[in-house]
Structures are given as C-alpha cells and as structure tokens.
Amino acid sequence: MDLVLGRFADAELVRLSDGELDELETWLDLPDQQMFAFVNGAQAVPAEIDTALFRRLRDFHTKGLTTK
C-alpha cells in the first residue's frame, strides 16, 4: 500500500486537514488489495470511501496530478 497511499501522503500530507488525516488513517485498516482495486477502478468504491479526499487520491494516481 505504500505505493498508493505513501506517495500521496508524501506529496499531500502538509496540506491535509485533521479530518482528512483521520480519513487517510482509516484507509490504512483496509486490505491493500481492496484499496488498490478502489483506486484503479477494478472495484466499485463504497459511498463511505468515495469522498473528496479519495477522489484526490485516485486523481493523483490515475491522472498524475498533485493537488493543492
């Protein structure tokens, strides 16, 4: 999961709010394969995961974006 969350965290950590940090922390409890499937679109993203922060994470990887 370091490849998915680690790179995003390295790039975005200083910009995340306390709530977003909490959300990112909850993602660490998800199985790696499941989180990867959500990010790459192989599996539907449940509503509780499909947040603005998750969409930033997905865009970061799928579009090569760094967000502000």
Protein backbone atom coordinates (compact mmCIF):
# COMPACT_ATOMS: atom_id res chain seq x y z
CA MET A 1 0.00 0.00 0.00
CA ASP A 2 2.99 2.26 0.27
CA LEU A 3 2.85 2.80 -3.48
CA VAL A 4 -0.73 4.04 -3.34
CA LEU A 5 -1.03 5.84 -0.02
CA GLY A 6 2.65 6.52 0.61
CA ARG A 7 3.31 8.59 -2.49
CA PHE A 8 0.07 10.51 -1.98
CA ALA A 9 0.88 11.13 1.68
CA ASP A 10 4.41 12.28 0.81
CA ALA A 11 3.02 14.80 -1.66
CA GLU A 12 -0.08 15.94 0.25
CA LEU A 13 0.43 15.38 3.97
CA VAL A 14 1.25 19.00 4.81
CA ARG A 15 -1.97 20.17 3.11
CA LEU A 16 -4.36 17.72 4.80
CA SER A 17 -6.76 18.89 7.48
CA ASP A 18 -7.13 16.97 10.73
CA GLY A 19 -10.29 15.36 9.38
CA GLU A 20 -8.54 14.33 6.18
CA LEU A 21 -5.66 12.87 8.20
CA ASP A 22 -8.20 10.84 10.17
CA GLU A 23 -9.77 9.64 6.93
CA LEU A 24 -6.41 8.64 5.48
CA GLU A 25 -5.67 6.75 8.67
CA THR A 26 -8.90 4.73 8.31
CA TRP A 27 -7.77 3.68 4.84
CA LEU A 28 -4.77 2.01 6.42
CA ASP A 29 -7.13 -0.51 8.01
CA LEU A 30 -8.47 -1.64 4.62
CA PRO A 31 -6.88 -4.64 2.94
CA ASP A 32 -4.22 -3.49 0.48
CA GLN A 33 -5.78 -5.34 -2.45
CA GLN A 34 -9.17 -3.76 -1.80
CA MET A 35 -7.81 -0.22 -1.59
CA PHE A 36 -5.79 -0.79 -4.76
CA ALA A 37 -8.92 -2.07 -6.53
CA PHE A 38 -10.84 1.05 -5.47
CA VAL A 39 -8.09 3.37 -6.71
CA ASN A 40 -7.60 1.68 -10.07
CA GLY A 41 -11.33 1.29 -10.71
CA ALA A 42 -11.37 -2.51 -10.64
CA GLN A 43 -13.92 -2.47 -7.82
CA ALA A 44 -16.80 -0.10 -7.10
CA VAL A 45 -15.99 2.39 -4.36
CA PRO A 46 -18.43 2.30 -1.42
CA ALA A 47 -20.07 5.61 -0.52
CA GLU A 48 -18.22 5.85 2.79
CA ILE A 49 -14.88 5.68 0.95
CA ASP A 50 -15.87 7.78 -2.09
CA THR A 51 -15.09 11.17 -0.59
CA ALA A 52 -13.42 14.28 -1.93
CA LEU A 53 -10.14 13.11 -0.43
CA PHE A 54 -10.46 9.68 -2.03
CA ARG A 55 -11.10 11.31 -5.40
CA ARG A 56 -7.93 13.39 -4.89
CA LEU A 57 -6.03 10.18 -4.18
CA ARG A 58 -7.45 8.48 -7.27
CA ASP A 59 -6.72 11.51 -9.47
CA PHE A 60 -3.21 11.72 -8.06
CA HIS A 61 -2.54 8.20 -9.36
CA THR A 62 -4.69 7.97 -12.47
CA LYS A 63 -4.03 11.42 -13.85
CA GLY A 64 -0.59 12.00 -12.37
CA LEU A 65 -1.84 15.06 -10.53
CA THR A 66 -0.61 16.69 -7.43
CA THR A 67 -3.39 18.62 -5.77
CA LYS A 68 -3.26 21.92 -3.94
